[in-house]
Amino acid sequence: LPLATLGMFFAGFTWLSASLWPAIAAHFINNGSAVVLATFYPDL
């Protein structure tokens, strides 16, 4: 459910902007923030 919802958001970004770059940026921030959180606050 979370992955599918994010996929729909990314698709919406792409269509509304007629560009792939907003989805690329959002995807990077979503995954990157998880990496940073896991590095400094793994228990959380």
PDB file of all heavy atoms in Angstrom:
ATOM      1  N   LEU A   1       0.814  -1.220   0.000  1.00  0.00           N
ATOM      2  CA  LEU A   1       0.000   0.000   0.000  1.00  0.00           C
ATOM      3  C   LEU A   1       0.846   1.269   0.000  1.00  0.00           C
ATOM      4  O   LEU A   1       0.592   2.179  -0.810  1.00  0.00           O
ATOM      5  CB  LEU A   1      -0.965  -0.013   1.196  1.00  0.00           C
ATOM      6  CG  LEU A   1      -2.127  -1.002   1.126  1.00  0.00           C
ATOM      7  CD1 LEU A   1      -2.981  -0.908   2.389  1.00  0.00           C
ATOM      8  CD2 LEU A   1      -2.985  -0.737  -0.100  1.00  0.00           C
ATOM      9  N   PRO A   2       1.864   1.389   0.868  1.00  0.00           N
ATOM     10  CA  PRO A   2       2.705   2.593   0.812  1.00  0.00           C
ATOM     11  C   PRO A   2       3.447   2.745  -0.516  1.00  0.00           C
ATOM     12  O   PRO A   2       3.508   3.848  -1.072  1.00  0.00           O
ATOM     13  CB  PRO A   2       3.694   2.390   1.970  1.00  0.00           C
ATOM     14  CG  PRO A   2       3.018   1.444   2.888  1.00  0.00           C
ATOM     15  CD  PRO A   2       2.204   0.535   2.017  1.00  0.00           C
ATOM     16  N   LEU A   3       4.002   1.644  -1.034  1.00  0.00           N
ATOM     17  CA  LEU A   3       4.756   1.720  -2.279  1.00  0.00           C
ATOM     18  C   LEU A   3       3.853   2.098  -3.455  1.00  0.00           C
ATOM     19  O   LEU A   3       4.217   2.923  -4.294  1.00  0.00           O
ATOM     20  CB  LEU A   3       5.448   0.391  -2.555  1.00  0.00           C
ATOM     21  CG  LEU A   3       6.675   0.071  -1.699  1.00  0.00           C
ATOM     22  CD1 LEU A   3       7.103  -1.379  -1.911  1.00  0.00           C
ATOM     23  CD2 LEU A   3       7.820   1.017  -2.016  1.00  0.00           C
ATOM     24  N   ALA A   4       2.667   1.485  -3.524  1.00  0.00           N
ATOM     25  CA  ALA A   4       1.739   1.795  -4.603  1.00  0.00           C
ATOM     26  C   ALA A   4       1.277   3.242  -4.525  1.00  0.00           C
ATOM     27  O   ALA A   4       1.154   3.928  -5.553  1.00  0.00           O
ATOM     28  CB  ALA A   4       0.541   0.853  -4.558  1.00  0.00           C
ATOM     29  N   THR A   5       1.036   3.732  -3.315  1.00  0.00           N
ATOM     30  CA  THR A   5       0.610   5.126  -3.142  1.00  0.00           C
ATOM     31  C   THR A   5       1.705   6.088  -3.584  1.00  0.00           C
ATOM     32  O   THR A   5       1.435   7.067  -4.298  1.00  0.00           O
ATOM     33  CB  THR A   5       0.232   5.392  -1.675  1.00  0.00           C
ATOM     34  OG1 THR A   5      -0.833   4.510  -1.299  1.00  0.00           O
ATOM     35  CG2 THR A   5      -0.214   6.829  -1.487  1.00  0.00           C
ATOM     36  N   LEU A   6       2.930   5.815  -3.183  1.00  0.00           N
ATOM     37  CA  LEU A   6       4.039   6.662  -3.635  1.00  0.00           C
ATOM     38  C   LEU A   6       4.166   6.609  -5.150  1.00  0.00           C
ATOM     39  O   LEU A   6       4.407   7.634  -5.800  1.00  0.00           O
ATOM     40  CB  LEU A   6       5.348   6.203  -2.979  1.00  0.00           C
ATOM     41  CG  LEU A   6       5.541   6.591  -1.516  1.00  0.00           C
ATOM     42  CD1 LEU A   6       6.780   5.901  -0.939  1.00  0.00           C
ATOM     43  CD2 LEU A   6       5.670   8.114  -1.363  1.00  0.00           C
ATOM     44  N   GLY A   7       4.004   5.416  -5.738  1.00  0.00           N
ATOM     45  CA  GLY A   7       4.073   5.292  -7.187  1.00  0.00           C
ATOM     46  C   GLY A   7       3.024   6.141  -7.880  1.00  0.00           C
ATOM     47  O   GLY A   7       3.284   6.755  -8.917  1.00  0.00           O
ATOM     48  N   MET A   8       1.809   6.194  -7.306  1.00  0.00           N
ATOM     49  CA  MET A   8       0.758   7.036  -7.891  1.00  0.00           C
ATOM     50  C   MET A   8       1.094   8.517  -7.766  1.00  0.00           C
ATOM     51  O   MET A   8       0.845   9.298  -8.690  1.00  0.00           O
ATOM     52  CB  MET A   8      -0.577   6.730  -7.208  1.00  0.00           C
ATOM     53  CG  MET A   8      -1.112   5.340  -7.484  1.00  0.00           C
ATOM     54  SD  MET A   8      -2.652   5.006  -6.583  1.00  0.00           S
ATOM     55  CE  MET A   8      -2.667   3.210  -6.605  1.00  0.00           C
ATOM     56  N   PHE A   9       1.649   8.905  -6.627  1.00  0.00           N
ATOM     57  CA  PHE A   9       2.075  10.300  -6.476  1.00  0.00           C
ATOM     58  C   PHE A   9       3.150  10.649  -7.505  1.00  0.00           C
ATOM     59  O   PHE A   9       3.079  11.708  -8.165  1.00  0.00           O
ATOM     60  CB  PHE A   9       2.598  10.555  -5.062  1.00  0.00           C
ATOM     61  CG  PHE A   9       1.540  10.947  -4.080  1.00  0.00           C
ATOM     62  CD1 PHE A   9       1.211  10.111  -3.024  1.00  0.00           C
ATOM     63  CD2 PHE A   9       0.861  12.145  -4.198  1.00  0.00           C
ATOM     64  CE1 PHE A   9       0.221  10.452  -2.120  1.00  0.00           C
ATOM     65  CE2 PHE A   9      -0.126  12.510  -3.296  1.00  0.00           C
ATOM     66  CZ  PHE A   9      -0.448  11.654  -2.246  1.00  0.00           C
ATOM     67  N   PHE A  10       4.154   9.790  -7.648  1.00  0.00           N
ATOM     68  CA  PHE A  10       5.220  10.056  -8.615  1.00  0.00           C
ATOM     69  C   PHE A  10       4.667  10.158 -10.033  1.00  0.00           C
ATOM     70  O   PHE A  10       5.102  10.994 -10.828  1.00  0.00           O
ATOM     71  CB  PHE A  10       6.278   8.942  -8.555  1.00  0.00           C
ATOM     72  CG  PHE A  10       7.024   8.864  -7.249  1.00  0.00           C
ATOM     73  CD1 PHE A  10       7.705   7.694  -6.896  1.00  0.00           C
ATOM     74  CD2 PHE A  10       7.058   9.921  -6.369  1.00  0.00           C
ATOM     75  CE1 PHE A  10       8.389   7.605  -5.699  1.00  0.00           C
ATOM     76  CE2 PHE A  10       7.738   9.845  -5.161  1.00  0.00           C
ATOM     77  CZ  PHE A  10       8.401   8.677  -4.826  1.00  0.00           C
ATOM     78  N   ALA A  11       3.701   9.299 -10.358  1.00  0.00           N
ATOM     79  CA  ALA A  11       3.075   9.343 -11.678  1.00  0.00           C
ATOM     80  C   ALA A  11       2.318  10.656 -11.863  1.00  0.00           C
ATOM     81  O   ALA A  11       2.355  11.266 -12.945  1.00  0.00           O
ATOM     82  CB  ALA A  11       2.139   8.153 -11.858  1.00  0.00           C
ATOM     83  N   GLY A  12       1.620  11.076 -10.808  1.00  0.00           N
ATOM     84  CA  GLY A  12       0.906  12.348 -10.883  1.00  0.00           C
ATOM     85  C   GLY A  12       1.847  13.518 -11.092  1.00  0.00           C
ATOM     86  O   GLY A  12       1.573  14.418 -11.904  1.00  0.00           O
ATOM     87  N   PHE A  13       2.977  13.512 -10.367  1.00  0.00           N
ATOM     88  CA  PHE A  13       3.975  14.576 -10.569  1.00  0.00           C
ATOM     89  C   PHE A  13       4.411  14.637 -12.023  1.00  0.00           C
ATOM     90  O   PHE A  13       4.534  15.716 -12.615  1.00  0.00           O
ATOM     91  CB  PHE A  13       5.225  14.318  -9.705  1.00  0.00           C
ATOM     92  CG  PHE A  13       4.983  14.246  -8.227  1.00  0.00           C
ATOM     93  CD1 PHE A  13       5.898  13.617  -7.393  1.00  0.00           C
ATOM     94  CD2 PHE A  13       3.853  14.790  -7.654  1.00  0.00           C
ATOM     95  CE1 PHE A  13       5.698  13.547  -6.028  1.00  0.00           C
ATOM     96  CE2 PHE A  13       3.630  14.726  -6.285  1.00  0.00           C
ATOM     97  CZ  PHE A  13       4.564  14.096  -5.479  1.00  0.00           C
ATOM     98  N   THR A  14       4.669  13.458 -12.590  1.00  0.00           N
ATOM     99  CA  THR A  14       5.196  13.374 -13.957  1.00  0.00           C
ATOM    100  C   THR A  14       4.188  13.910 -14.965  1.00  0.00           C
ATOM    101  O   THR A  14       4.549  14.681 -15.868  1.00  0.00           O
ATOM    102  CB  THR A  14       5.553  11.916 -14.304  1.00  0.00           C
ATOM    103  OG1 THR A  14       6.511  11.433 -13.358  1.00  0.00           O
ATOM    104  CG2 THR A  14       6.133  11.816 -15.706  1.00  0.00           C
ATOM    105  N   TRP A  15       2.942  13.519 -14.812  1.00  0.00           N
ATOM    106  CA  TRP A  15       1.940  13.971 -15.780  1.00  0.00           C
ATOM    107  C   TRP A  15       1.630  15.458 -15.639  1.00  0.00           C
ATOM    108  O   TRP A  15       1.572  16.188 -16.630  1.00  0.00           O
ATOM    109  CB  TRP A  15       0.648  13.171 -15.612  1.00  0.00           C
ATOM    110  CG  TRP A  15      -0.418  13.656 -16.539  1.00  0.00           C
ATOM    111  CD1 TRP A  15      -0.431  13.585 -17.896  1.00  0.00           C
ATOM    112  CD2 TRP A  15      -1.629  14.318 -16.164  1.00  0.00           C
ATOM    113  NE1 TRP A  15      -1.573  14.161 -18.401  1.00  0.00           N
ATOM    114  CE2 TRP A  15      -2.327  14.614 -17.356  1.00  0.00           C
ATOM    115  CE3 TRP A  15      -2.198  14.666 -14.943  1.00  0.00           C
ATOM    116  CZ2 TRP A  15      -3.564  15.251 -17.358  1.00  0.00           C
ATOM    117  CZ3 TRP A  15      -3.429  15.295 -14.946  1.00  0.00           C
ATOM    118  CH2 TRP A  15      -4.089  15.588 -16.137  1.00  0.00           C
ATOM    119  N   LEU A  16       1.448  15.938 -14.409  1.00  0.00           N
ATOM    120  CA  LEU A  16       1.103  17.341 -14.201  1.00  0.00           C
ATOM    121  C   LEU A  16       2.198  18.279 -14.696  1.00  0.00           C
ATOM    122  O   LEU A  16       1.919  19.359 -15.215  1.00  0.00           O
ATOM    123  CB  LEU A  16       0.830  17.604 -12.724  1.00  0.00           C
ATOM    124  CG  LEU A  16      -0.455  16.996 -12.148  1.00  0.00           C
ATOM    125  CD1 LEU A  16      -0.500  17.163 -10.640  1.00  0.00           C
ATOM    126  CD2 LEU A  16      -1.688  17.634 -12.793  1.00  0.00           C
ATOM    127  N   SER A  17       3.452  17.852 -14.545  1.00  0.00           N
ATOM    128  CA  SER A  17       4.581  18.706 -14.942  1.00  0.00           C
ATOM    129  C   SER A  17       5.055  18.442 -16.354  1.00  0.00           C
ATOM    130  O   SER A  17       5.848  19.216 -16.892  1.00  0.00           O
ATOM    131  CB  SER A  17       5.757  18.481 -13.983  1.00  0.00           C
ATOM    132  OG  SER A  17       6.243  17.147 -14.085  1.00  0.00           O
ATOM    133  N   ALA A  18       4.583  17.333 -16.968  1.00  0.00           N
ATOM    134  CA  ALA A  18       5.069  16.901 -18.283  1.00  0.00           C
ATOM    135  C   ALA A  18       6.589  16.744 -18.273  1.00  0.00           C
ATOM    136  O   ALA A  18       7.266  16.994 -19.265  1.00  0.00           O
ATOM    137  CB  ALA A  18       4.653  17.875 -19.378  1.00  0.00           C
ATOM    138  N   SER A  19       7.116  16.310 -17.126  1.00  0.00           N
ATOM    139  CA  SER A  19       8.563  16.136 -16.980  1.00  0.00           C
ATOM    140  C   SER A  19       8.830  15.023 -15.978  1.00  0.00           C
ATOM    141  O   SER A  19       8.086  14.841 -15.002  1.00  0.00           O
ATOM    142  CB  SER A  19       9.211  17.428 -16.497  1.00  0.00           C
ATOM    143  OG  SER A  19      10.588  17.230 -16.199  1.00  0.00           O
ATOM    144  N   LEU A  20       9.905  14.283 -16.197  1.00  0.00           N
ATOM    145  CA  LEU A  20      10.288  13.198 -15.300  1.00  0.00           C
ATOM    146  C   LEU A  20      11.058  13.701 -14.075  1.00  0.00           C
ATOM    147  O   LEU A  20      11.157  12.993 -13.069  1.00  0.00           O
ATOM    148  CB  LEU A  20      11.149  12.187 -16.070  1.00  0.00           C
ATOM    149  CG  LEU A  20      11.241  10.747 -15.561  1.00  0.00           C
ATOM    150  CD1 LEU A  20       9.860  10.112 -15.470  1.00  0.00           C
ATOM    151  CD2 LEU A  20      12.143   9.921 -16.475  1.00  0.00           C
ATOM    152  N   TRP A  21      11.589  14.912 -14.155  1.00  0.00           N
ATOM    153  CA  TRP A  21      12.468  15.400 -13.104  1.00  0.00           C
ATOM    154  C   TRP A  21      11.803  15.554 -11.738  1.00  0.00           C
ATOM    155  O   TRP A  21      12.431  15.229 -10.710  1.00  0.00           O
ATOM    156  CB  TRP A  21      13.132  16.707 -13.532  1.00  0.00           C
ATOM    157  CG  TRP A  21      14.149  16.504 -14.597  1.00  0.00           C
ATOM    158  CD1 TRP A  21      14.042  16.791 -15.922  1.00  0.00           C
ATOM    159  CD2 TRP A  21      15.458  15.916 -14.428  1.00  0.00           C
ATOM    160  NE1 TRP A  21      15.183  16.430 -16.598  1.00  0.00           N
ATOM    161  CE2 TRP A  21      16.069  15.889 -15.712  1.00  0.00           C
ATOM    162  CE3 TRP A  21      16.153  15.410 -13.331  1.00  0.00           C
ATOM    163  CZ2 TRP A  21      17.344  15.381 -15.912  1.00  0.00           C
ATOM    164  CZ3 TRP A  21      17.431  14.904 -13.535  1.00  0.00           C
ATOM    165  CH2 TRP A  21      18.011  14.891 -14.810  1.00  0.00           C
ATOM    166  N   PRO A  22      10.567  16.043 -11.638  1.00  0.00           N
ATOM    167  CA  PRO A  22       9.951  16.124 -10.307  1.00  0.00           C
ATOM    168  C   PRO A  22       9.840  14.761  -9.623  1.00  0.00           C
ATOM    169  O   PRO A  22      10.069  14.651  -8.411  1.00  0.00           O
ATOM    170  CB  PRO A  22       8.567  16.716 -10.609  1.00  0.00           C
ATOM    171  CG  PRO A  22       8.777  17.533 -11.838  1.00  0.00           C
ATOM    172  CD  PRO A  22       9.738  16.724 -12.659  1.00  0.00           C
ATOM    173  N   ALA A  23       9.488  13.721 -10.376  1.00  0.00           N
ATOM    174  CA  ALA A  23       9.393  12.384  -9.787  1.00  0.00           C
ATOM    175  C   ALA A  23      10.771  11.873  -9.378  1.00  0.00           C
ATOM    176  O   ALA A  23      10.909  11.203  -8.343  1.00  0.00           O
ATOM    177  CB  ALA A  23       8.736  11.420 -10.774  1.00  0.00           C
ATOM    178  N   ILE A  24      11.795  12.150 -10.182  1.00  0.00           N
ATOM    179  CA  ILE A  24      13.159  11.740  -9.830  1.00  0.00           C
ATOM    180  C   ILE A  24      13.577  12.387  -8.516  1.00  0.00           C
ATOM    181  O   ILE A  24      14.125  11.727  -7.624  1.00  0.00           O
ATOM    182  CB  ILE A  24      14.144  12.098 -10.959  1.00  0.00           C
ATOM    183  CG1 ILE A  24      13.889  11.227 -12.191  1.00  0.00           C
ATOM    184  CG2 ILE A  24      15.591  11.946 -10.489  1.00  0.00           C
ATOM    185  CD1 ILE A  24      14.707  11.610 -13.404  1.00  0.00           C
ATOM    186  N   ALA A  25      13.316  13.687  -8.385  1.00  0.00           N
ATOM    187  CA  ALA A  25      13.680  14.400  -7.156  1.00  0.00           C
ATOM    188  C   ALA A  25      12.925  13.860  -5.957  1.00  0.00           C
ATOM    189  O   ALA A  25      13.514  13.625  -4.886  1.00  0.00           O
ATOM    190  CB  ALA A  25      13.403  15.892  -7.330  1.00  0.00           C
ATOM    191  N   ALA A  26      11.616  13.635  -6.113  1.00  0.00           N
ATOM    192  CA  ALA A  26      10.808  13.128  -5.005  1.00  0.00           C
ATOM    193  C   ALA A  26      11.247  11.722  -4.614  1.00  0.00           C
ATOM    194  O   ALA A  26      11.315  11.387  -3.421  1.00  0.00           O
ATOM    195  CB  ALA A  26       9.330  13.144  -5.402  1.00  0.00           C
ATOM    196  N   HIS A  27      11.544  10.888  -5.589  1.00  0.00           N
ATOM    197  CA  HIS A  27      12.000   9.520  -5.333  1.00  0.00           C
ATOM    198  C   HIS A  27      13.322   9.544  -4.567  1.00  0.00           C
ATOM    199  O   HIS A  27      13.510   8.783  -3.597  1.00  0.00           O
ATOM    200  CB  HIS A  27      12.167   8.794  -6.668  1.00  0.00           C
ATOM    201  CG  HIS A  27      12.215   7.309  -6.554  1.00  0.00           C
ATOM    202  ND1 HIS A  27      11.707   6.455  -7.519  1.00  0.00           N
ATOM    203  CD2 HIS A  27      12.726   6.484  -5.596  1.00  0.00           C
ATOM    204  CE1 HIS A  27      11.894   5.210  -7.157  1.00  0.00           C
ATOM    205  NE2 HIS A  27      12.526   5.202  -5.988  1.00  0.00           N
ATOM    206  N   PHE A  28      14.234  10.402  -4.981  1.00  0.00           N
ATOM    207  CA  PHE A  28      15.524  10.501  -4.296  1.00  0.00           C
ATOM    208  C   PHE A  28      15.345  10.962  -2.850  1.00  0.00           C
ATOM    209  O   PHE A  28      15.963  10.416  -1.933  1.00  0.00           O
ATOM    210  CB  PHE A  28      16.450  11.472  -5.035  1.00  0.00           C
ATOM    211  CG  PHE A  28      17.749  11.720  -4.313  1.00  0.00           C
ATOM    212  CD1 PHE A  28      18.773  10.800  -4.368  1.00  0.00           C
ATOM    213  CD2 PHE A  28      17.923  12.867  -3.552  1.00  0.00           C
ATOM    214  CE1 PHE A  28      19.967  11.007  -3.686  1.00  0.00           C
ATOM    215  CE2 PHE A  28      19.112  13.092  -2.868  1.00  0.00           C
ATOM    216  CZ  PHE A  28      20.137  12.159  -2.935  1.00  0.00           C
ATOM    217  N   ILE A  29      14.506  11.963  -2.635  1.00  0.00           N
ATOM    218  CA  ILE A  29      14.286  12.469  -1.279  1.00  0.00           C
ATOM    219  C   ILE A  29      13.632  11.404  -0.410  1.00  0.00           C
ATOM    220  O   ILE A  29      14.001  11.218   0.756  1.00  0.00           O
ATOM    221  CB  ILE A  29      13.434  13.751  -1.319  1.00  0.00           C
ATOM    222  CG1 ILE A  29      14.239  14.890  -1.945  1.00  0.00           C
ATOM    223  CG2 ILE A  29      12.956  14.137   0.081  1.00  0.00           C
ATOM    224  CD1 ILE A  29      13.434  16.130  -2.211  1.00  0.00           C
ATOM    225  N   ASN A  30      12.667  10.679  -0.951  1.00  0.00           N
ATOM    226  CA  ASN A  30      11.997   9.633  -0.187  1.00  0.00           C
ATOM    227  C   ASN A  30      12.992   8.546   0.244  1.00  0.00           C
ATOM    228  O   ASN A  30      13.056   8.186   1.426  1.00  0.00           O
ATOM    229  CB  ASN A  30      10.886   9.018  -1.030  1.00  0.00           C
ATOM    230  CG  ASN A  30      10.133   7.921  -0.298  1.00  0.00           C
ATOM    231  OD1 ASN A  30       9.309   8.175   0.576  1.00  0.00           O
ATOM    232  ND2 ASN A  30      10.412   6.674  -0.644  1.00  0.00           N
ATOM    233  N   ASN A  31      13.776   8.033  -0.688  1.00  0.00           N
ATOM    234  CA  ASN A  31      14.740   6.983  -0.360  1.00  0.00           C
ATOM    235  C   ASN A  31      15.908   7.529   0.452  1.00  0.00           C
ATOM    236  O   ASN A  31      16.385   6.879   1.384  1.00  0.00           O
ATOM    237  CB  ASN A  31      15.259   6.330  -1.637  1.00  0.00           C
ATOM    238  CG  ASN A  31      14.211   5.483  -2.330  1.00  0.00           C
ATOM    239  OD1 ASN A  31      13.019   5.651  -2.107  1.00  0.00           O
ATOM    240  ND2 ASN A  31      14.651   4.573  -3.194  1.00  0.00           N
ATOM    241  N   GLY A  32      16.373   8.723   0.076  1.00  0.00           N
ATOM    242  CA  GLY A  32      17.520   9.302   0.764  1.00  0.00           C
ATOM    243  C   GLY A  32      17.230   9.617   2.214  1.00  0.00           C
ATOM    244  O   GLY A  32      18.085   9.392   3.096  1.00  0.00           O
ATOM    245  N   SER A  33      16.039  10.129   2.490  1.00  0.00           N
ATOM    246  CA  SER A  33      15.687  10.429   3.876  1.00  0.00           C
ATOM    247  C   SER A  33      15.618   9.153   4.704  1.00  0.00           C
ATOM    248  O   SER A  33      15.967   9.149   5.890  1.00  0.00           O
ATOM    249  CB  SER A  33      14.357  11.188   3.929  1.00  0.00           C
ATOM    250  OG  SER A  33      13.302  10.410   3.377  1.00  0.00           O
ATOM    251  N   ALA A  34      15.184   8.052   4.075  1.00  0.00           N
ATOM    252  CA  ALA A  34      15.150   6.769   4.781  1.00  0.00           C
ATOM    253  C   ALA A  34      16.563   6.296   5.119  1.00  0.00           C
ATOM    254  O   ALA A  34      16.806   5.751   6.202  1.00  0.00           O
ATOM    255  CB  ALA A  34      14.436   5.723   3.921  1.00  0.00           C
ATOM    256  N   VAL A  35      17.513   6.508   4.198  1.00  0.00           N
ATOM    257  CA  VAL A  35      18.908   6.136   4.448  1.00  0.00           C
ATOM    258  C   VAL A  35      19.483   6.961   5.603  1.00  0.00           C
ATOM    259  O   VAL A  35      20.121   6.416   6.509  1.00  0.00           O
ATOM    260  CB  VAL A  35      19.757   6.342   3.182  1.00  0.00           C
ATOM    261  CG1 VAL A  35      21.252   6.187   3.497  1.00  0.00           C
ATOM    262  CG2 VAL A  35      19.346   5.358   2.093  1.00  0.00           C
ATOM    263  N   VAL A  36      19.247   8.272   5.578  1.00  0.00           N
ATOM    264  CA  VAL A  36      19.766   9.147   6.635  1.00  0.00           C
ATOM    265  C   VAL A  36      19.145   8.774   7.980  1.00  0.00           C
ATOM    266  O   VAL A  36      19.846   8.689   9.002  1.00  0.00           O
ATOM    267  CB  VAL A  36      19.483  10.628   6.294  1.00  0.00           C
ATOM    268  CG1 VAL A  36      19.871  11.526   7.467  1.00  0.00           C
ATOM    269  CG2 VAL A  36      20.249  11.039   5.041  1.00  0.00           C
ATOM    270  N   LEU A  37      17.831   8.547   7.989  1.00  0.00           N
ATOM    271  CA  LEU A  37      17.156   8.178   9.238  1.00  0.00           C
ATOM    272  C   LEU A  37      17.688   6.848   9.764  1.00  0.00           C
ATOM    273  O   LEU A  37      17.943   6.701  10.968  1.00  0.00           O
ATOM    274  CB  LEU A  37      15.648   8.074   8.989  1.00  0.00           C
ATOM    275  CG  LEU A  37      14.778   7.736  10.201  1.00  0.00           C
ATOM    276  CD1 LEU A  37      14.834   8.853  11.225  1.00  0.00           C
ATOM    277  CD2 LEU A  37      13.332   7.484   9.769  1.00  0.00           C
ATOM    278  N   ALA A  38      17.872   5.874   8.862  1.00  0.00           N
ATOM    279  CA  ALA A  38      18.367   4.566   9.282  1.00  0.00           C
ATOM    280  C   ALA A  38      19.806   4.636   9.776  1.00  0.00           C
ATOM    281  O   ALA A  38      20.221   3.850  10.630  1.00  0.00           O
ATOM    282  CB  ALA A  38      18.260   3.571   8.128  1.00  0.00           C
ATOM    283  N   THR A  39      20.585   5.571   9.252  1.00  0.00           N
ATOM    284  CA  THR A  39      21.982   5.718   9.664  1.00  0.00           C
ATOM    285  C   THR A  39      22.097   6.297  11.073  1.00  0.00           C
ATOM    286  O   THR A  39      22.878   5.810  11.891  1.00  0.00           O
ATOM    287  CB  THR A  39      22.736   6.619   8.677  1.00  0.00           C
ATOM    288  OG1 THR A  39      22.669   6.044   7.362  1.00  0.00           O
ATOM    289  CG2 THR A  39      24.197   6.767   9.086  1.00  0.00           C
ATOM    290  N   PHE A  40      21.291   7.321  11.358  1.00  0.00           N
ATOM    291  CA  PHE A  40      21.416   8.022  12.640  1.00  0.00           C
ATOM    292  C   PHE A  40      20.412   7.550  13.688  1.00  0.00           C
ATOM    293  O   PHE A  40      20.680   7.652  14.885  1.00  0.00           O
ATOM    294  CB  PHE A  40      21.260   9.529  12.417  1.00  0.00           C
ATOM    295  CG  PHE A  40      22.372  10.135  11.602  1.00  0.00           C
ATOM    296  CD1 PHE A  40      22.183  10.469  10.278  1.00  0.00           C
ATOM    297  CD2 PHE A  40      23.623  10.346  12.166  1.00  0.00           C
ATOM    298  CE1 PHE A  40      23.203  11.020   9.519  1.00  0.00           C
ATOM    299  CE2 PHE A  40      24.657  10.898  11.416  1.00  0.00           C
ATOM    300  CZ  PHE A  40      24.456  11.229  10.095  1.00  0.00           C
ATOM    301  N   TYR A  41      19.262   7.043  13.241  1.00  0.00           N
ATOM    302  CA  TYR A  41      18.237   6.587  14.189  1.00  0.00           C
ATOM    303  C   TYR A  41      17.705   5.213  13.758  1.00  0.00           C
ATOM    304  O   TYR A  41      16.528   5.069  13.418  1.00  0.00           O
ATOM    305  CB  TYR A  41      17.082   7.595  14.259  1.00  0.00           C
ATOM    306  CG  TYR A  41      17.524   8.991  14.622  1.00  0.00           C
ATOM    307  CD1 TYR A  41      17.682   9.974  13.633  1.00  0.00           C
ATOM    308  CD2 TYR A  41      17.786   9.339  15.946  1.00  0.00           C
ATOM    309  CE1 TYR A  41      18.082  11.247  13.954  1.00  0.00           C
ATOM    310  CE2 TYR A  41      18.187  10.624  16.285  1.00  0.00           C
ATOM    311  CZ  TYR A  41      18.341  11.573  15.282  1.00  0.00           C
ATOM    312  OH  TYR A  41      18.735  12.842  15.612  1.00  0.00           O
ATOM    313  N   PRO A  42      18.564   4.200  13.764  1.00  0.00           N
ATOM    314  CA  PRO A  42      18.150   2.874  13.264  1.00  0.00           C
ATOM    315  C   PRO A  42      16.999   2.269  14.055  1.00  0.00           C
ATOM    316  O   PRO A  42      16.156   1.577  13.487  1.00  0.00           O
ATOM    317  CB  PRO A  42      19.424   2.034  13.388  1.00  0.00           C
ATOM    318  CG  PRO A  42      20.260   2.746  14.395  1.00  0.00           C
ATOM    319  CD  PRO A  42      19.957   4.198  14.229  1.00  0.00           C
ATOM    320  N   ASP A  43      16.950   2.513  15.363  1.00  0.00           N
ATOM    321  CA  ASP A  43      15.864   1.939  16.158  1.00  0.00           C
ATOM    322  C   ASP A  43      14.512   2.492  15.726  1.00  0.00           C
ATOM    323  O   ASP A  43      13.502   1.777  15.735  1.00  0.00           O
ATOM    324  CB  ASP A  43      16.088   2.222  17.659  1.00  0.00           C
ATOM    325  CG  ASP A  43      17.320   1.497  18.205  1.00  0.00           C
ATOM    326  OD1 ASP A  43      17.720   0.493  17.596  1.00  0.00           O
ATOM    327  OD2 ASP A  43      17.872   1.950  19.218  1.00  0.00           O
ATOM    328  N   LEU A  44      14.493   3.759  15.354  1.00  0.00           N
ATOM    329  CA  LEU A  44      13.254   4.380  14.877  1.00  0.00           C
ATOM    330  C   LEU A  44      12.928   3.930  13.462  1.00  0.00           C
ATOM    331  O   LEU A  44      11.775   3.623  13.138  1.00  0.00           O
ATOM    332  CB  LEU A  44      13.387   5.911  14.928  1.00  0.00           C
ATOM    333  CG  LEU A  44      12.195   6.722  14.399  1.00  0.00           C
ATOM    334  CD1 LEU A  44      10.946   6.430  15.242  1.00  0.00           C
ATOM    335  CD2 LEU A  44      12.522   8.214  14.416  1.00  0.00           C
TER     336      LEU A  44
END
